[in-house]
Amino acid sequence: MKNNKRTYILPEELREELKKPLGTLLVDMPTKALIEIVAESQPPCVVMVGDFCFHEAIKQKFIPTIAIIDGLNLRKPYQEFSIANATIIKAKNPPATITEDAWQAIKKAFKRQQKKKSRKTEKELTVLVIDGEEDLLVLPAVIEAPLNAIITYGQPYEGLVLIKVTTNVKLKCKKLTERMKVEKQ
């Protein structure tokens, strides 16, 4: 019996479109700019996708709500680092895909943060460690995030992309995933 898990596969015609930033590109001291924006706007959560931007934030003592990493930067192994009190969730997500496993891990991370918020306990970092590649996981992160959340990811050799989650941005990301090829297993 098949379990009907879906895997979204990036088609060739979407690759160029997804190379363009999905939000505001921060180029001048991007991590510092992000920290200032977060302090000013007080979003319900901050999600960082990518090892390099996450590590840069940690170096500046900024801990996001959720980090999605794969141990790589520009397809090369990236330094390992650990955060005290972080909860680790693991998922598989091959390059150029969004697996059901990874999407469910993102949902789990947001539910976990919502429970902590409702109990008014101290925020604790949740790290999704992806076996494969995390790049496309920006899309389900935006779709699953609460309104006004901030999602960030690195734009190679340029800076940091900041997405403020709105209904329109969620719709745009949903439409992008709908344009991907879907395989059921």
C-alpha atoms as a PDB file:
ATOM      1  CA  MET A   1       0.000   0.000   0.000  1.00  0.00           C
ATOM      2  CA  LYS A   2       1.295   3.444  -0.948  1.00  0.00           C
ATOM      3  CA  ASN A   3       1.366   6.202   1.632  1.00  0.00           C
ATOM      4  CA  ASN A   4       0.636   9.028  -0.870  1.00  0.00           C
ATOM      5  CA  LYS A   5       3.400  11.269   0.409  1.00  0.00           C
ATOM      6  CA  ARG A   6       4.014  14.157  -1.972  1.00  0.00           C
ATOM      7  CA  THR A   7       7.336  15.457  -3.167  1.00  0.00           C
ATOM      8  CA  TYR A   8       7.451  18.773  -4.999  1.00  0.00           C
ATOM      9  CA  ILE A   9      10.164  18.853  -7.659  1.00  0.00           C
ATOM     10  CA  LEU A  10      11.562  22.108  -9.024  1.00  0.00           C
ATOM     11  CA  PRO A  11      10.946  22.310 -12.778  1.00  0.00           C
ATOM     12  CA  GLU A  12      13.562  23.891 -15.010  1.00  0.00           C
ATOM     13  CA  GLU A  13      11.274  26.808 -15.935  1.00  0.00           C
ATOM     14  CA  LEU A  14      11.007  27.951 -12.280  1.00  0.00           C
ATOM     15  CA  ARG A  15      14.748  27.956 -11.541  1.00  0.00           C
ATOM     16  CA  GLU A  16      15.469  31.456 -12.897  1.00  0.00           C
ATOM     17  CA  GLU A  17      12.376  32.917 -11.243  1.00  0.00           C
ATOM     18  CA  LEU A  18      13.384  31.526  -7.845  1.00  0.00           C
ATOM     19  CA  LYS A  19      16.879  33.001  -8.140  1.00  0.00           C
ATOM     20  CA  LYS A  20      15.286  36.437  -7.688  1.00  0.00           C
ATOM     21  CA  PRO A  21      14.758  37.526  -4.063  1.00  0.00           C
ATOM     22  CA  LEU A  22      11.272  36.777  -2.721  1.00  0.00           C
ATOM     23  CA  GLY A  23      11.518  39.759  -0.371  1.00  0.00           C
ATOM     24  CA  THR A  24      13.738  42.729   0.470  1.00  0.00           C
ATOM     25  CA  LEU A  25      17.448  42.228  -0.195  1.00  0.00           C
ATOM     26  CA  LEU A  26      19.568  43.554   2.684  1.00  0.00           C
ATOM     27  CA  VAL A  27      23.115  44.192   1.426  1.00  0.00           C
ATOM     28  CA  ASP A  28      24.847  46.625   3.774  1.00  0.00           C
ATOM     29  CA  MET A  29      25.648  44.776   7.017  1.00  0.00           C
ATOM     30  CA  PRO A  30      22.590  42.548   6.471  1.00  0.00           C
ATOM     31  CA  THR A  31      22.603  40.743   9.821  1.00  0.00           C
ATOM     32  CA  LYS A  32      22.810  44.010  11.733  1.00  0.00           C
ATOM     33  CA  ALA A  33      19.992  45.429   9.587  1.00  0.00           C
ATOM     34  CA  LEU A  34      17.894  42.320  10.274  1.00  0.00           C
ATOM     35  CA  ILE A  35      18.428  42.621  14.032  1.00  0.00           C
ATOM     36  CA  GLU A  36      17.312  46.276  13.920  1.00  0.00           C
ATOM     37  CA  ILE A  37      14.213  45.416  11.864  1.00  0.00           C
ATOM     38  CA  VAL A  38      13.264  42.613  14.275  1.00  0.00           C
ATOM     39  CA  ALA A  39      13.735  44.913  17.298  1.00  0.00           C
ATOM     40  CA  GLU A  40      11.551  47.548  15.660  1.00  0.00           C
ATOM     41  CA  SER A  41       8.767  45.333  14.274  1.00  0.00           C
ATOM     42  CA  GLN A  42       8.614  42.644  17.023  1.00  0.00           C
ATOM     43  CA  PRO A  43       7.471  39.811  14.705  1.00  0.00           C
ATOM     44  CA  PRO A  44       5.801  36.723  16.223  1.00  0.00           C
ATOM     45  CA  CYS A  45       8.779  34.658  15.034  1.00  0.00           C
ATOM     46  CA  VAL A  46      11.924  34.787  12.927  1.00  0.00           C
ATOM     47  CA  VAL A  47      12.914  31.899  10.677  1.00  0.00           C
ATOM     48  CA  MET A  48      16.390  31.697   9.141  1.00  0.00           C
ATOM     49  CA  VAL A  49      16.961  29.372   6.204  1.00  0.00           C
ATOM     50  CA  GLY A  50      20.612  28.631   5.484  1.00  0.00           C
ATOM     51  CA  ASP A  51      23.741  27.819   7.446  1.00  0.00           C
ATOM     52  CA  PHE A  52      25.711  30.970   6.647  1.00  0.00           C
ATOM     53  CA  CYS A  53      23.010  33.493   7.609  1.00  0.00           C
ATOM     54  CA  PHE A  54      22.174  31.495  10.738  1.00  0.00           C
ATOM     55  CA  HIS A  55      25.827  31.365  11.786  1.00  0.00           C
ATOM     56  CA  GLU A  56      26.278  35.100  11.122  1.00  0.00           C
ATOM     57  CA  ALA A  57      23.264  35.843  13.337  1.00  0.00           C
ATOM     58  CA  ILE A  58      24.613  33.667  16.147  1.00  0.00           C
ATOM     59  CA  LYS A  59      27.958  35.459  15.962  1.00  0.00           C
ATOM     60  CA  GLN A  60      26.051  38.683  16.644  1.00  0.00           C
ATOM     61  CA  LYS A  61      24.150  37.046  19.546  1.00  0.00           C
ATOM     62  CA  PHE A  62      20.864  36.977  17.622  1.00  0.00           C
ATOM     63  CA  ILE A  63      18.937  33.720  18.013  1.00  0.00           C
ATOM     64  CA  PRO A  64      16.005  33.202  15.639  1.00  0.00           C
ATOM     65  CA  THR A  65      12.896  31.246  16.560  1.00  0.00           C
ATOM     66  CA  ILE A  66      13.526  28.563  13.932  1.00  0.00           C
ATOM     67  CA  ALA A  67      16.600  27.783  11.834  1.00  0.00           C
ATOM     68  CA  ILE A  68      16.600  25.490   8.808  1.00  0.00           C
ATOM     69  CA  ILE A  69      20.086  24.268   7.924  1.00  0.00           C
ATOM     70  CA  ASP A  70      21.729  21.502   5.897  1.00  0.00           C
ATOM     71  CA  GLY A  71      25.400  21.657   6.931  1.00  0.00           C
ATOM     72  CA  LEU A  72      26.353  23.249   3.611  1.00  0.00           C
ATOM     73  CA  ASN A  73      27.093  26.708   2.290  1.00  0.00           C
ATOM     74  CA  LEU A  74      27.199  27.168  -1.478  1.00  0.00           C
ATOM     75  CA  ARG A  75      27.052  23.359  -1.786  1.00  0.00           C
ATOM     76  CA  LYS A  76      30.226  22.879   0.274  1.00  0.00           C
ATOM     77  CA  PRO A  77      30.401  21.498   3.842  1.00  0.00           C
ATOM     78  CA  TYR A  78      29.976  24.284   6.370  1.00  0.00           C
ATOM     79  CA  GLN A  79      31.318  24.472   9.885  1.00  0.00           C
ATOM     80  CA  GLU A  80      29.305  22.788  12.591  1.00  0.00           C
ATOM     81  CA  PHE A  81      28.088  24.803  15.528  1.00  0.00           C
ATOM     82  CA  SER A  82      25.730  24.132  18.367  1.00  0.00           C
ATOM     83  CA  ILE A  83      23.330  26.166  20.420  1.00  0.00           C
ATOM     84  CA  ALA A  84      22.477  25.358  24.021  1.00  0.00           C
ATOM     85  CA  ASN A  85      18.838  24.457  24.651  1.00  0.00           C
ATOM     86  CA  ALA A  86      18.013  24.065  20.944  1.00  0.00           C
ATOM     87  CA  THR A  87      15.530  21.424  19.906  1.00  0.00           C
ATOM     88  CA  ILE A  88      16.639  19.503  16.820  1.00  0.00           C
ATOM     89  CA  ILE A  89      14.208  18.157  14.234  1.00  0.00           C
ATOM     90  CA  LYS A  90      15.640  16.105  11.382  1.00  0.00           C
ATOM     91  CA  ALA A  91      14.166  15.671   7.916  1.00  0.00           C
ATOM     92  CA  LYS A  92      15.194  14.465   4.476  1.00  0.00           C
ATOM     93  CA  ASN A  93      14.922  16.815   1.519  1.00  0.00           C
ATOM     94  CA  PRO A  94      16.972  16.077  -1.622  1.00  0.00           C
ATOM     95  CA  PRO A  95      18.237  19.005  -3.763  1.00  0.00           C
ATOM     96  CA  ALA A  96      15.636  20.835  -5.896  1.00  0.00           C
ATOM     97  CA  THR A  97      12.721  19.337  -3.947  1.00  0.00           C
ATOM     98  CA  ILE A  98      10.308  19.922  -1.113  1.00  0.00           C
ATOM     99  CA  THR A  99       9.475  16.617   0.539  1.00  0.00           C
ATOM    100  CA  GLU A 100       6.458  15.867   2.686  1.00  0.00           C
ATOM    101  CA  ASP A 101       8.944  14.941   5.432  1.00  0.00           C
ATOM    102  CA  ALA A 102      10.544  18.396   5.374  1.00  0.00           C
ATOM    103  CA  TRP A 103       7.197  20.220   5.099  1.00  0.00           C
ATOM    104  CA  GLN A 104       5.846  18.292   8.107  1.00  0.00           C
ATOM    105  CA  ALA A 105       9.026  19.132  10.067  1.00  0.00           C
ATOM    106  CA  ILE A 106       8.406  22.831   9.369  1.00  0.00           C
ATOM    107  CA  LYS A 107       4.799  22.508  10.564  1.00  0.00           C
ATOM    108  CA  LYS A 108       6.025  20.715  13.694  1.00  0.00           C
ATOM    109  CA  ALA A 109       8.526  23.499  14.420  1.00  0.00           C
ATOM    110  CA  PHE A 110       5.823  26.178  14.149  1.00  0.00           C
ATOM    111  CA  LYS A 111       3.399  24.167  16.327  1.00  0.00           C
ATOM    112  CA  ARG A 112       6.143  23.730  18.917  1.00  0.00           C
ATOM    113  CA  GLN A 113       6.765  27.478  19.013  1.00  0.00           C
ATOM    114  CA  GLN A 114       3.029  28.203  19.247  1.00  0.00           C
ATOM    115  CA  LYS A 115       2.729  25.881  22.257  1.00  0.00           C
ATOM    116  CA  LYS A 116       5.650  27.575  23.984  1.00  0.00           C
ATOM    117  CA  LYS A 117       4.106  30.975  23.265  1.00  0.00           C
ATOM    118  CA  SER A 118       0.711  29.924  24.650  1.00  0.00           C
ATOM    119  CA  ARG A 119       2.378  28.665  27.840  1.00  0.00           C
ATOM    120  CA  LYS A 120       4.318  31.924  28.029  1.00  0.00           C
ATOM    121  CA  THR A 121       7.558  30.029  28.468  1.00  0.00           C
ATOM    122  CA  GLU A 122      10.918  31.243  27.312  1.00  0.00           C
ATOM    123  CA  LYS A 123      11.437  31.044  23.566  1.00  0.00           C
ATOM    124  CA  GLU A 124      13.691  28.191  22.603  1.00  0.00           C
ATOM    125  CA  LEU A 125      15.385  27.768  19.263  1.00  0.00           C
ATOM    126  CA  THR A 126      14.165  24.944  17.041  1.00  0.00           C
ATOM    127  CA  VAL A 127      16.688  23.799  14.434  1.00  0.00           C
ATOM    128  CA  LEU A 128      15.592  21.757  11.446  1.00  0.00           C
ATOM    129  CA  VAL A 129      18.606  19.796  10.275  1.00  0.00           C
ATOM    130  CA  ILE A 130      18.014  18.792   6.692  1.00  0.00           C
ATOM    131  CA  ASP A 131      19.621  15.759   5.126  1.00  0.00           C
ATOM    132  CA  GLY A 132      19.884  17.070   1.572  1.00  0.00           C
ATOM    133  CA  GLU A 133      19.201  20.711   0.750  1.00  0.00           C
ATOM    134  CA  GLU A 134      17.183  23.410   2.503  1.00  0.00           C
ATOM    135  CA  ASP A 135      17.002  26.097  -0.202  1.00  0.00           C
ATOM    136  CA  LEU A 136      13.406  25.550  -1.374  1.00  0.00           C
ATOM    137  CA  LEU A 137      12.124  25.158   2.181  1.00  0.00           C
ATOM    138  CA  VAL A 138      11.682  28.928   2.256  1.00  0.00           C
ATOM    139  CA  LEU A 139       8.388  28.334   0.393  1.00  0.00           C
ATOM    140  CA  PRO A 140       6.693  26.051   2.954  1.00  0.00           C
ATOM    141  CA  ALA A 141       8.203  28.148   5.769  1.00  0.00           C
ATOM    142  CA  VAL A 142       6.375  31.212   4.428  1.00  0.00           C
ATOM    143  CA  ILE A 143       3.163  29.250   3.832  1.00  0.00           C
ATOM    144  CA  GLU A 144       3.156  27.802   7.373  1.00  0.00           C
ATOM    145  CA  ALA A 145       4.397  30.897   9.224  1.00  0.00           C
ATOM    146  CA  PRO A 146       2.056  33.184  11.144  1.00  0.00           C
ATOM    147  CA  LEU A 147       1.258  36.564   9.608  1.00  0.00           C
ATOM    148  CA  ASN A 148       3.927  39.222  10.271  1.00  0.00           C
ATOM    149  CA  ALA A 149       6.625  36.602  10.864  1.00  0.00           C
ATOM    150  CA  ILE A 150      10.002  37.262   9.289  1.00  0.00           C
ATOM    151  CA  ILE A 151      11.651  34.646   7.099  1.00  0.00           C
ATOM    152  CA  THR A 152      15.228  35.168   5.942  1.00  0.00           C
ATOM    153  CA  TYR A 153      17.601  33.385   3.612  1.00  0.00           C
ATOM    154  CA  GLY A 154      20.915  34.126   1.983  1.00  0.00           C
ATOM    155  CA  GLN A 155      21.148  35.487  -1.548  1.00  0.00           C
ATOM    156  CA  PRO A 156      24.534  34.124  -2.691  1.00  0.00           C
ATOM    157  CA  TYR A 157      27.235  36.784  -3.040  1.00  0.00           C
ATOM    158  CA  GLU A 158      24.679  39.569  -2.497  1.00  0.00           C
ATOM    159  CA  GLY A 159      23.206  39.640   0.997  1.00  0.00           C
ATOM    160  CA  LEU A 160      20.250  38.510   3.058  1.00  0.00           C
ATOM    161  CA  VAL A 161      16.667  38.337   1.806  1.00  0.00           C
ATOM    162  CA  LEU A 162      14.031  39.371   4.341  1.00  0.00           C
ATOM    163  CA  ILE A 163      10.427  38.316   3.806  1.00  0.00           C
ATOM    164  CA  LYS A 164       7.714  39.808   6.006  1.00  0.00           C
ATOM    165  CA  VAL A 165       4.895  37.249   5.910  1.00  0.00           C
ATOM    166  CA  THR A 166       1.664  38.714   4.590  1.00  0.00           C
ATOM    167  CA  THR A 167      -1.387  37.096   3.016  1.00  0.00           C
ATOM    168  CA  ASN A 168      -0.094  38.139  -0.428  1.00  0.00           C
ATOM    169  CA  VAL A 169       3.357  36.631   0.166  1.00  0.00           C
ATOM    170  CA  LYS A 170       1.781  33.390   1.391  1.00  0.00           C
ATOM    171  CA  LEU A 171      -0.354  33.277  -1.763  1.00  0.00           C
ATOM    172  CA  LYS A 172       2.679  33.928  -3.984  1.00  0.00           C
ATOM    173  CA  CYS A 173       4.626  31.067  -2.335  1.00  0.00           C
ATOM    174  CA  LYS A 174       1.602  28.763  -2.577  1.00  0.00           C
ATOM    175  CA  LYS A 175       1.300  29.533  -6.305  1.00  0.00           C
ATOM    176  CA  LEU A 176       5.013  28.831  -6.786  1.00  0.00           C
ATOM    177  CA  THR A 177       4.694  25.418  -5.124  1.00  0.00           C
ATOM    178  CA  GLU A 178       1.618  24.676  -7.249  1.00  0.00           C
ATOM    179  CA  ARG A 179       3.770  25.223 -10.358  1.00  0.00           C
ATOM    180  CA  MET A 180       6.192  22.536  -9.231  1.00  0.00           C
ATOM    181  CA  LYS A 181       5.982  18.951 -10.433  1.00  0.00           C
ATOM    182  CA  VAL A 182       4.361  16.695  -7.806  1.00  0.00           C
ATOM    183  CA  GLU A 183       5.279  13.067  -7.348  1.00  0.00           C
ATOM    184  CA  LYS A 184       3.301  10.794  -5.042  1.00  0.00           C
ATOM    185  CA  GLN A 185       5.026   7.870  -3.417  1.00  0.00           C
END
